[in-house]
Structure formats: C-alpha cells, structure tokens
PDB file of N, CA and C in Angstrom:
ATOM      1  N   UNK A   1     229.577-127.199  48.347  1.00  0.00           N
ATOM      2  CA  UNK A   1     229.212-128.361  49.195  1.00  0.00           C
ATOM      3  C   UNK A   1     230.031-129.614  48.857  1.00  0.00           C
ATOM      4  N   UNK A   2     230.525-130.233  49.821  1.00  0.00           N
ATOM      5  CA  UNK A   2     231.339-131.354  49.901  1.00  0.00           C
ATOM      6  C   UNK A   2     230.656-132.439  49.604  1.00  0.00           C
ATOM      7  N   UNK A   3     230.510-133.312  48.732  1.00  0.00           N
ATOM      8  CA  UNK A   3     229.968-134.537  48.375  1.00  0.00           C
ATOM      9  C   UNK A   3     230.761-135.706  47.834  1.00  0.00           C
ATOM     10  N   UNK A   4     230.155-136.969  47.990  1.00  0.00           N
ATOM     11  CA  UNK A   4     231.109-138.022  47.598  1.00  0.00           C
ATOM     12  C   UNK A   4     231.729-137.948  46.130  1.00  0.00           C
ATOM     13  N   UNK A   5     230.768-136.916  45.311  1.00  0.00           N
ATOM     14  CA  UNK A   5     231.451-136.842  43.931  1.00  0.00           C
ATOM     15  C   UNK A   5     232.398-135.631  43.914  1.00  0.00           C
ATOM     16  N   UNK A   6     232.686-135.001  44.767  1.00  0.00           N
ATOM     17  CA  UNK A   6     233.670-133.816  44.908  1.00  0.00           C
ATOM     18  C   UNK A   6     232.816-132.650  45.324  1.00  0.00           C
ATOM     19  N   UNK A   7     233.831-131.314  45.283  1.00  0.00           N
ATOM     20  CA  UNK A   7     232.911-130.346  45.588  1.00  0.00           C
ATOM     21  C   UNK A   7     232.149-129.419  44.492  1.00  0.00           C
ATOM     22  N   UNK A   8     230.895-129.163  44.878  1.00  0.00           N
ATOM     23  CA  UNK A   8     229.602-128.756  43.870  1.00  0.00           C
ATOM     24  C   UNK A   8     229.083-127.519  44.401  1.00  0.00           C
ATOM     25  N   UNK A   9     228.472-126.500  43.726  1.00  0.00           N
ATOM     26  CA  UNK A   9     228.112-125.234  44.185  1.00  0.00           C
ATOM     27  C   UNK A   9     226.750-125.119  43.639  1.00  0.00           C
ATOM     28  N   UNK A  10     225.650-125.901  44.312  1.00  0.00           N
ATOM     29  CA  UNK A  10     224.387-125.479  43.927  1.00  0.00           C
ATOM     30  C   UNK A  10     223.835-124.111  44.381  1.00  0.00           C
ATOM     31  N   UNK A  11     222.699-123.862  43.705  1.00  0.00           N
ATOM     32  CA  UNK A  11     222.148-122.461  44.364  1.00  0.00           C
ATOM     33  C   UNK A  11     220.675-122.456  44.275  1.00  0.00           C
ATOM     34  N   UNK A  12     220.542-121.403  45.339  1.00  0.00           N
ATOM     35  CA  UNK A  12     218.968-121.308  45.542  1.00  0.00           C
ATOM     36  C   UNK A  12     218.294-120.395  44.625  1.00  0.00           C
ATOM     37  N   UNK A  13     217.403-120.528  43.978  1.00  0.00           N
ATOM     38  CA  UNK A  13     216.783-119.659  42.886  1.00  0.00           C
ATOM     39  C   UNK A  13     216.040-118.661  43.715  1.00  0.00           C
ATOM     40  N   UNK A  14     215.744-117.439  43.075  1.00  0.00           N
ATOM     41  CA  UNK A  14     214.896-116.361  43.668  1.00  0.00           C
ATOM     42  C   UNK A  14     214.872-116.270  45.158  1.00  0.00           C
ATOM     43  N   UNK A  15     216.181-116.229  45.477  1.00  0.00           N
ATOM     44  CA  UNK A  15     216.363-116.197  47.054  1.00  0.00           C
ATOM     45  C   UNK A  15     215.683-114.732  47.473  1.00  0.00           C
ATOM     46  N   UNK A  16     215.630-113.602  46.883  1.00  0.00           N
ATOM     47  CA  UNK A  16     215.201-112.521  47.147  1.00  0.00           C
ATOM     48  C   UNK A  16     213.558-112.637  47.421  1.00  0.00           C
ATOM     49  N   UNK A  17     212.800-113.607  46.987  1.00  0.00           N
ATOM     50  CA  UNK A  17     211.451-113.687  47.339  1.00  0.00           C
ATOM     51  C   UNK A  17     211.266-114.847  48.039  1.00  0.00           C
ATOM     52  N   UNK A  18     212.145-115.414  49.005  1.00  0.00           N
ATOM     53  CA  UNK A  18     211.905-116.156  49.753  1.00  0.00           C
ATOM     54  C   UNK A  18     212.052-116.005  51.221  1.00  0.00           C
ATOM     55  N   UNK A  19     211.389-116.466  52.213  1.00  0.00           N
ATOM     56  CA  UNK A  19     211.631-116.444  53.513  1.00  0.00           C
ATOM     57  C   UNK A  19     212.890-117.112  54.001  1.00  0.00           C
ATOM     58  N   UNK A  20     213.578-116.912  55.281  1.00  0.00           N
ATOM     59  CA  UNK A  20     214.325-117.519  55.697  1.00  0.00           C
ATOM     60  C   UNK A  20     214.040-119.061  55.928  1.00  0.00           C
ATOM     61  N   UNK A  21     212.730-119.241  56.028  1.00  0.00           N
ATOM     62  CA  UNK A  21     212.328-120.830  56.186  1.00  0.00           C
ATOM     63  C   UNK A  21     212.492-121.281  55.054  1.00  0.00           C
ATOM     64  N   UNK A  22     211.900-120.703  54.022  1.00  0.00           N
ATOM     65  CA  UNK A  22     211.926-121.226  52.551  1.00  0.00           C
ATOM     66  C   UNK A  22     213.469-121.646  52.212  1.00  0.00           C
ATOM     67  N   UNK A  23     214.285-120.850  52.368  1.00  0.00           N
ATOM     68  CA  UNK A  23     215.573-120.948  52.068  1.00  0.00           C
ATOM     69  C   UNK A  23     216.160-121.793  52.702  1.00  0.00           C
ATOM     70  N   UNK A  24     216.094-122.112  53.935  1.00  0.00           N
ATOM     71  CA  UNK A  24     216.533-123.195  54.645  1.00  0.00           C
ATOM     72  C   UNK A  24     215.968-124.632  54.239  1.00  0.00           C
ATOM     73  N   UNK A  25     214.791-124.589  53.985  1.00  0.00           N
ATOM     74  CA  UNK A  25     213.928-126.028  53.579  1.00  0.00           C
ATOM     75  C   UNK A  25     214.781-126.280  51.931  1.00  0.00           C
ATOM     76  N   UNK A  26     214.824-125.141  50.939  1.00  0.00           N
ATOM     77  CA  UNK A  26     215.667-125.564  49.731  1.00  0.00           C
ATOM     78  C   UNK A  26     217.068-125.972  49.986  1.00  0.00           C
ATOM     79  N   UNK A  27     217.871-125.271  50.766  1.00  0.00           N
ATOM     80  CA  UNK A  27     219.112-125.663  51.131  1.00  0.00           C
ATOM     81  C   UNK A  27     219.276-127.058  51.549  1.00  0.00           C
ATOM     82  N   UNK A  28     218.491-127.539  52.339  1.00  0.00           N
ATOM     83  CA  UNK A  28     218.568-128.951  52.983  1.00  0.00           C
ATOM     84  C   UNK A  28     217.998-129.902  51.805  1.00  0.00           C
ATOM     85  N   UNK A  29     217.237-129.486  50.902  1.00  0.00           N
ATOM     86  CA  UNK A  29     216.697-130.434  49.634  1.00  0.00           C
ATOM     87  C   UNK A  29     217.999-130.508  48.974  1.00  0.00           C
ATOM     88  N   UNK A  30     218.619-129.281  48.595  1.00  0.00           N
ATOM     89  CA  UNK A  30     220.163-129.205  47.669  1.00  0.00           C
ATOM     90  C   UNK A  30     221.118-130.199  48.293  1.00  0.00           C
ATOM     91  N   UNK A  31     221.208-130.220  49.862  1.00  0.00           N
ATOM     92  CA  UNK A  31     222.213-130.865  50.328  1.00  0.00           C
ATOM     93  C   UNK A  31     221.762-132.324  50.338  1.00  0.00           C
ATOM     94  N   UNK A  32     220.547-132.783  50.467  1.00  0.00           N
ATOM     95  CA  UNK A  32     220.391-134.195  50.422  1.00  0.00           C
ATOM     96  C   UNK A  32     220.561-134.690  48.950  1.00  0.00           C
ATOM     97  N   UNK A  33     220.272-133.817  48.043  1.00  0.00           N
ATOM     98  CA  UNK A  33     220.447-134.397  46.536  1.00  0.00           C
ATOM     99  C   UNK A  33     221.726-134.237  46.367  1.00  0.00           C
ATOM    100  N   UNK A  34     222.646-133.488  46.806  1.00  0.00           N
ATOM    101  CA  UNK A  34     224.042-133.241  46.548  1.00  0.00           C
ATOM    102  C   UNK A  34     224.670-134.649  47.118  1.00  0.00           C
ATOM    103  N   UNK A  35     224.433-135.013  48.269  1.00  0.00           N
ATOM    104  CA  UNK A  35     224.878-136.247  49.031  1.00  0.00           C
ATOM    105  C   UNK A  35     224.593-137.536  48.184  1.00  0.00           C
ATOM    106  N   UNK A  36     223.503-137.590  47.766  1.00  0.00           N
ATOM    107  CA  UNK A  36     222.858-138.601  46.734  1.00  0.00           C
ATOM    108  C   UNK A  36     223.484-138.645  45.481  1.00  0.00           C
ATOM    109  N   UNK A  37     224.042-137.743  45.090  1.00  0.00           N
ATOM    110  CA  UNK A  37     224.613-137.678  43.707  1.00  0.00           C
ATOM    111  C   UNK A  37     223.336-137.063  42.649  1.00  0.00           C
ATOM    112  N   UNK A  38     222.392-136.510  43.139  1.00  0.00           N
ATOM    113  CA  UNK A  38     221.214-136.411  42.266  1.00  0.00           C
ATOM    114  C   UNK A  38     221.037-134.713  41.857  1.00  0.00           C
ATOM    115  N   UNK A  39     222.019-133.988  41.976  1.00  0.00           N
ATOM    116  CA  UNK A  39     221.981-132.768  41.819  1.00  0.00           C
ATOM    117  C   UNK A  39     222.017-132.390  40.112  1.00  0.00           C
ATOM    118  N   UNK A  40     221.276-131.655  39.381  1.00  0.00           N
ATOM    119  CA  UNK A  40     221.123-131.584  37.793  1.00  0.00           C
ATOM    120  C   UNK A  40     221.575-130.380  37.576  1.00  0.00           C
ATOM    121  N   UNK A  41     221.671-130.077  36.074  1.00  0.00           N
ATOM    122  CA  UNK A  41     222.288-128.860  35.815  1.00  0.00           C
ATOM    123  C   UNK A  41     221.518-127.575  36.082  1.00  0.00           C
ATOM    124  N   UNK A  42     220.239-127.750  36.250  1.00  0.00           N
ATOM    125  CA  UNK A  42     219.700-126.347  36.892  1.00  0.00           C
ATOM    126  C   UNK A  42     219.940-126.081  38.564  1.00  0.00           C
ATOM    127  N   UNK A  43     220.470-127.341  38.979  1.00  0.00           N
ATOM    128  CA  UNK A  43     220.850-126.775  40.474  1.00  0.00           C
ATOM    129  C   UNK A  43     222.127-126.153  40.576  1.00  0.00           C
ATOM    130  N   UNK A  44     222.971-126.473  39.684  1.00  0.00           N
ATOM    131  CA  UNK A  44     224.361-125.976  39.503  1.00  0.00           C
ATOM    132  C   UNK A  44     224.590-124.769  38.734  1.00  0.00           C
ATOM    133  N   UNK A  45     223.683-124.093  38.001  1.00  0.00           N
ATOM    134  CA  UNK A  45     223.566-123.138  37.063  1.00  0.00           C
ATOM    135  C   UNK A  45     222.686-121.954  37.541  1.00  0.00           C
ATOM    136  N   UNK A  46     222.943-120.769  36.715  1.00  0.00           N
ATOM    137  CA  UNK A  46     221.956-119.812  36.978  1.00  0.00           C
ATOM    138  C   UNK A  46     222.263-118.783  38.478  1.00  0.00           C
ATOM    139  N   UNK A  47     223.450-119.072  39.007  1.00  0.00           N
ATOM    140  CA  UNK A  47     223.688-118.218  40.153  1.00  0.00           C
ATOM    141  C   UNK A  47     224.404-116.997  39.788  1.00  0.00           C
ATOM    142  N   UNK A  48     224.555-116.080  40.858  1.00  0.00           N
ATOM    143  CA  UNK A  48     225.053-114.662  40.599  1.00  0.00           C
ATOM    144  C   UNK A  48     226.468-114.377  41.672  1.00  0.00           C
ATOM    145  N   UNK A  49     226.131-115.090  42.781  1.00  0.00           N
ATOM    146  CA  UNK A  49     227.395-115.101  44.079  1.00  0.00           C
ATOM    147  C   UNK A  49     227.499-116.355  44.483  1.00  0.00           C
ATOM    148  N   UNK A  50     228.782-116.708  44.425  1.00  0.00           N
ATOM    149  CA  UNK A  50     229.229-117.862  45.397  1.00  0.00           C
ATOM    150  C   UNK A  50     229.937-117.649  46.552  1.00  0.00           C
ATOM    151  N   UNK A  51     229.572-118.240  47.930  1.00  0.00           N
ATOM    152  CA  UNK A  51     230.602-118.103  48.888  1.00  0.00           C
ATOM    153  C   UNK A  51     231.183-119.407  49.317  1.00  0.00           C
ATOM    154  N   UNK A  52     232.218-119.704  49.330  1.00  0.00           N
ATOM    155  CA  UNK A  52     232.843-120.839  49.672  1.00  0.00           C
ATOM    156  C   UNK A  52     233.665-120.807  50.917  1.00  0.00           C
ATOM    157  N   UNK A  53     233.386-121.636  51.875  1.00  0.00           N
ATOM    158  CA  UNK A  53     233.852-121.744  53.226  1.00  0.00           C
ATOM    159  C   UNK A  53     235.006-122.831  53.100  1.00  0.00           C
ATOM    160  N   UNK A  54     236.140-122.670  52.316  1.00  0.00           N
ATOM    161  CA  UNK A  54     237.034-123.880  51.883  1.00  0.00           C
ATOM    162  C   UNK A  54     237.862-124.131  53.380  1.00  0.00           C
ATOM    163  N   UNK A  55     237.932-123.180  54.397  1.00  0.00           N
ATOM    164  CA  UNK A  55     238.654-123.390  55.535  1.00  0.00           C
ATOM    165  C   UNK A  55     238.034-124.772  56.353  1.00  0.00           C
ATOM    166  N   UNK A  56     236.615-124.817  56.212  1.00  0.00           N
ATOM    167  CA  UNK A  56     236.029-125.995  56.928  1.00  0.00           C
ATOM    168  C   UNK A  56     236.612-127.498  56.229  1.00  0.00           C
ATOM    169  N   UNK A  57     237.404-127.531  55.176  1.00  0.00           N
ATOM    170  CA  UNK A  57     237.831-128.736  54.728  1.00  0.00           C
ATOM    171  C   UNK A  57     239.401-128.481  54.914  1.00  0.00           C
ATOM    172  N   UNK A  58     239.983-127.747  55.797  1.00  0.00           N
ATOM    173  CA  UNK A  58     241.478-127.643  55.948  1.00  0.00           C
ATOM    174  C   UNK A  58     242.210-127.189  54.801  1.00  0.00           C
ATOM    175  N   UNK A  59     241.729-126.358  53.849  1.00  0.00           N
ATOM    176  CA  UNK A  59     242.473-125.792  52.362  1.00  0.00           C
ATOM    177  C   UNK A  59     242.701-124.325  52.851  1.00  0.00           C
ATOM    178  N   UNK A  60     243.861-124.050  52.195  1.00  0.00           N
ATOM    179  CA  UNK A  60     244.482-122.828  52.593  1.00  0.00           C
ATOM    180  C   UNK A  60     244.079-121.957  51.196  1.00  0.00           C
ATOM    181  N   UNK A  61     244.023-122.373  50.189  1.00  0.00           N
ATOM    182  CA  UNK A  61     243.789-121.446  48.933  1.00  0.00           C
ATOM    183  C   UNK A  61     243.387-122.392  47.957  1.00  0.00           C
ATOM    184  N   UNK A  62     242.291-121.620  47.141  1.00  0.00           N
ATOM    185  CA  UNK A  62     241.614-122.606  45.874  1.00  0.00           C
ATOM    186  C   UNK A  62     241.228-121.343  45.017  1.00  0.00           C
ATOM    187  N   UNK A  63     241.085-121.908  43.860  1.00  0.00           N
ATOM    188  CA  UNK A  63     240.573-120.801  42.795  1.00  0.00           C
ATOM    189  C   UNK A  63     239.081-120.902  42.857  1.00  0.00           C
ATOM    190  N   UNK A  64     238.336-120.420  41.947  1.00  0.00           N
ATOM    191  CA  UNK A  64     236.847-120.349  41.990  1.00  0.00           C
ATOM    192  C   UNK A  64     236.327-121.513  41.615  1.00  0.00           C
ATOM    193  N   UNK A  65     235.319-121.859  42.269  1.00  0.00           N
ATOM    194  CA  UNK A  65     234.419-123.174  42.254  1.00  0.00           C
ATOM    195  C   UNK A  65     233.531-123.416  41.194  1.00  0.00           C
ATOM    196  N   UNK A  66     232.862-121.844  40.979  1.00  0.00           N
ATOM    197  CA  UNK A  66     231.897-121.942  39.534  1.00  0.00           C
ATOM    198  C   UNK A  66     231.983-120.657  38.925  1.00  0.00           C
ATOM    199  N   UNK A  67     232.630-120.642  37.635  1.00  0.00           N
ATOM    200  CA  UNK A  67     232.859-119.718  37.055  1.00  0.00           C
ATOM    201  C   UNK A  67     231.520-119.218  36.156  1.00  0.00           C
ATOM    202  N   UNK A  68     230.414-119.664  36.250  1.00  0.00           N
ATOM    203  CA  UNK A  68     229.190-119.043  35.679  1.00  0.00           C
ATOM    204  C   UNK A  68     228.495-117.938  36.414  1.00  0.00           C
ATOM    205  N   UNK A  69     229.239-117.844  37.773  1.00  0.00           N
ATOM    206  CA  UNK A  69     228.660-116.630  38.584  1.00  0.00           C
ATOM    207  C   UNK A  69     229.208-115.473  38.340  1.00  0.00           C
ATOM    208  N   UNK A  70     228.524-114.350  38.589  1.00  0.00           N
ATOM    209  CA  UNK A  70     229.244-112.921  38.400  1.00  0.00           C
ATOM    210  C   UNK A  70     230.397-112.815  39.509  1.00  0.00           C
ATOM    211  N   UNK A  71     230.190-113.434  40.459  1.00  0.00           N
ATOM    212  CA  UNK A  71     231.144-113.230  41.571  1.00  0.00           C
ATOM    213  C   UNK A  71     231.582-114.111  42.480  1.00  0.00           C
ATOM    214  N   UNK A  72     232.654-114.893  42.886  1.00  0.00           N
ATOM    215  CA  UNK A  72     232.883-116.146  43.694  1.00  0.00           C
ATOM    216  C   UNK A  72     233.850-115.503  44.761  1.00  0.00           C
ATOM    217  N   UNK A  73     233.697-115.891  45.922  1.00  0.00           N
ATOM    218  CA  UNK A  73     234.480-115.467  47.116  1.00  0.00           C
ATOM    219  C   UNK A  73     234.698-116.969  47.931  1.00  0.00           C
ATOM    220  N   UNK A  74     236.143-117.084  47.925  1.00  0.00           N
ATOM    221  CA  UNK A  74     236.444-118.573  49.059  1.00  0.00           C
ATOM    222  C   UNK A  74     237.307-118.111  50.031  1.00  0.00           C
ATOM    223  N   UNK A  75     236.689-118.524  51.160  1.00  0.00           N
ATOM    224  CA  UNK A  75     237.310-118.091  52.666  1.00  0.00           C
ATOM    225  C   UNK A  75     238.347-119.217  52.993  1.00  0.00           C
ATOM    226  N   UNK A  76     239.243-119.053  53.215  1.00  0.00           N
ATOM    227  CA  UNK A  76     240.199-120.324  53.630  1.00  0.00           C
ATOM    228  C   UNK A  76     240.212-120.574  55.149  1.00  0.00           C
ATOM    229  N   UNK A  77     241.130-121.346  55.566  1.00  0.00           N
ATOM    230  CA  UNK A  77     241.136-121.624  57.108  1.00  0.00           C
ATOM    231  C   UNK A  77     242.125-120.457  57.561  1.00  0.00           C
ATOM    232  N   UNK A  78     241.962-120.473  58.890  1.00  0.00           N
ATOM    233  CA  UNK A  78     242.732-119.641  59.660  1.00  0.00           C
ATOM    234  C   UNK A  78     244.154-120.315  60.168  1.00  0.00           C
ATOM    235  N   UNK A  79     245.228-119.843  60.172  1.00  0.00           N
ATOM    236  CA  UNK A  79     246.276-120.301  61.084  1.00  0.00           C
ATOM    237  C   UNK A  79     247.133-119.640  61.664  1.00  0.00           C
ATOM    238  N   UNK A  80     247.949-119.893  62.629  1.00  0.00           N
ATOM    239  CA  UNK A  80     249.142-119.090  63.293  1.00  0.00           C
ATOM    240  C   UNK A  80     250.249-119.106  62.356  1.00  0.00           C
ATOM    241  N   UNK A  81     250.852-117.666  62.325  1.00  0.00           N
ATOM    242  CA  UNK A  81     252.155-117.367  61.716  1.00  0.00           C
ATOM    243  C   UNK A  81     252.801-116.388  62.302  1.00  0.00           C
ATOM    244  N   UNK A  82     254.147-116.492  62.198  1.00  0.00           N
ATOM    245  CA  UNK A  82     255.049-115.160  62.535  1.00  0.00           C
ATOM    246  C   UNK A  82     254.897-114.231  61.809  1.00  0.00           C
ATOM    247  N   UNK A  83     254.422-112.879  62.309  1.00  0.00           N
ATOM    248  CA  UNK A  83     254.285-111.607  61.450  1.00  0.00           C
ATOM    249  C   UNK A  83     255.285-110.584  62.108  1.00  0.00           C
ATOM    250  N   UNK A  84     256.118-110.120  60.878  1.00  0.00           N
ATOM    251  CA  UNK A  84     257.009-108.904  61.335  1.00  0.00           C
ATOM    252  C   UNK A  84     256.369-107.588  61.097  1.00  0.00           C
ATOM    253  N   UNK A  85     256.213-106.694  61.861  1.00  0.00           N
ATOM    254  CA  UNK A  85     255.745-105.170  61.764  1.00  0.00           C
ATOM    255  C   UNK A  85     256.495-104.453  62.580  1.00  0.00           C
ATOM    256  N   UNK A  86     256.969-103.514  62.108  1.00  0.00           N
ATOM    257  CA  UNK A  86     257.741-102.284  62.625  1.00  0.00           C
ATOM    258  C   UNK A  86     258.934-102.855  63.345  1.00  0.00           C
ATOM    259  N   UNK A  87     259.600-103.988  62.940  1.00  0.00           N
ATOM    260  CA  UNK A  87     260.834-104.661  63.540  1.00  0.00           C
ATOM    261  C   UNK A  87     260.591-105.511  64.667  1.00  0.00           C
ATOM    262  N   UNK A  88     259.213-105.603  64.843  1.00  0.00           N
ATOM    263  CA  UNK A  88     258.737-106.680  65.739  1.00  0.00           C
ATOM    264  C   UNK A  88     258.340-107.911  65.254  1.00  0.00           C
ATOM    265  N   UNK A  89     258.497-109.003  65.857  1.00  0.00           N
ATOM    266  CA  UNK A  89     258.027-110.379  65.453  1.00  0.00           C
ATOM    267  C   UNK A  89     257.046-110.937  66.335  1.00  0.00           C
ATOM    268  N   UNK A  90     255.682-111.120  65.898  1.00  0.00           N
ATOM    269  CA  UNK A  90     254.494-111.644  66.958  1.00  0.00           C
ATOM    270  C   UNK A  90     253.987-112.980  66.131  1.00  0.00           C
ATOM    271  N   UNK A  91     253.166-113.387  67.054  1.00  0.00           N
ATOM    272  CA  UNK A  91     252.318-114.428  66.421  1.00  0.00           C
ATOM    273  C   UNK A  91     250.923-113.893  66.169  1.00  0.00           C
ATOM    274  N   UNK A  92     250.434-114.365  65.077  1.00  0.00           N
ATOM    275  CA  UNK A  92     249.227-113.629  64.603  1.00  0.00           C
ATOM    276  C   UNK A  92     248.271-114.819  63.966  1.00  0.00           C
ATOM    277  N   UNK A  93     247.031-114.669  63.955  1.00  0.00           N
ATOM    278  CA  UNK A  93     246.087-115.589  63.038  1.00  0.00           C
ATOM    279  C   UNK A  93     246.057-114.684  61.720  1.00  0.00           C
ATOM    280  N   UNK A  94     246.295-115.686  60.928  1.00  0.00           N
ATOM    281  CA  UNK A  94     246.190-115.381  59.285  1.00  0.00           C
ATOM    282  C   UNK A  94     245.265-116.048  58.536  1.00  0.00           C
ATOM    283  N   UNK A  95     244.538-115.688  57.357  1.00  0.00           N
ATOM    284  CA  UNK A  95     243.916-116.343  56.468  1.00  0.00           C
ATOM    285  C   UNK A  95     244.134-115.496  55.283  1.00  0.00           C
ATOM    286  N   UNK A  96     242.875-116.416  54.128  1.00  0.00           N
ATOM    287  CA  UNK A  96     243.156-115.443  52.984  1.00  0.00           C
ATOM    288  C   UNK A  96     241.714-115.607  52.364  1.00  0.00           C
ATOM    289  N   UNK A  97     241.340-114.489  51.525  1.00  0.00           N
ATOM    290  CA  UNK A  97     239.993-114.531  50.754  1.00  0.00           C
ATOM    291  C   UNK A  97     240.620-114.290  49.387  1.00  0.00           C
ATOM    292  N   UNK A  98     239.766-115.364  48.391  1.00  0.00           N
ATOM    293  CA  UNK A  98     239.830-115.250  47.212  1.00  0.00           C
ATOM    294  C   UNK A  98     238.730-114.747  46.518  1.00  0.00           C
ATOM    295  N   UNK A  99     238.886-113.489  45.729  1.00  0.00           N
ATOM    296  CA  UNK A  99     237.633-112.842  45.312  1.00  0.00           C
ATOM    297  C   UNK A  99     237.850-112.922  43.699  1.00  0.00           C
ATOM    298  N   UNK A 100     237.060-113.545  42.634  1.00  0.00           N
ATOM    299  CA  UNK A 100     236.881-113.768  41.392  1.00  0.00           C
ATOM    300  C   UNK A 100     235.916-113.379  40.898  1.00  0.00           C
TER     301      UNK A 100
END
C-alpha cells in the first residue's frame, strides 16, 4: 500500500473465515488507517503471503516488501521491448515477477 509514510504491507487476519464483503470492509479500514499513518505492528505482522503490484507505481523491479511472510510476490509494470527469437526481431510486452 502506498502511503505518505512509504510502502507498507498490512494484512487481513483470518481471511479464510471471512466473506468477500467482510474482507472488503477490513481492507478499506486498513487503507484508511494507512493513509492516516495509524497502522500498528499488529496490522503489519502475522501474514503468510504478500502480493505487490509495483507496476502501478511505475517500478520495474523491487525486492520483498515484507520479510516476515512465508512468500512474497512482486509484479512489475509491463513495457514494450525488442525481443529476438529464432533470428527474428519483434516488439513484445514484457514484465517481471519477483518470488521470494
């Protein structure tokens, strides 16, 4: 989550026991507290999996944002580049995924 204090990775607790509406409500609350700088240690710990869409802030590569998780995935922005395959050069959309 991009906040005035920097990138943070809050998490929804017990997500497996919540409805999609309950998850949406909790995410909205985490977002509001993040923007206000009011996230606490409990909001940022105890997660198992982080998915970061770093491409939305025009980054092409980044390391893990939250090392307390079992797995972290960062998806970069997609850009156009020339690609050579079997002796042919063409333009292609490329991006990267970082798995930690």
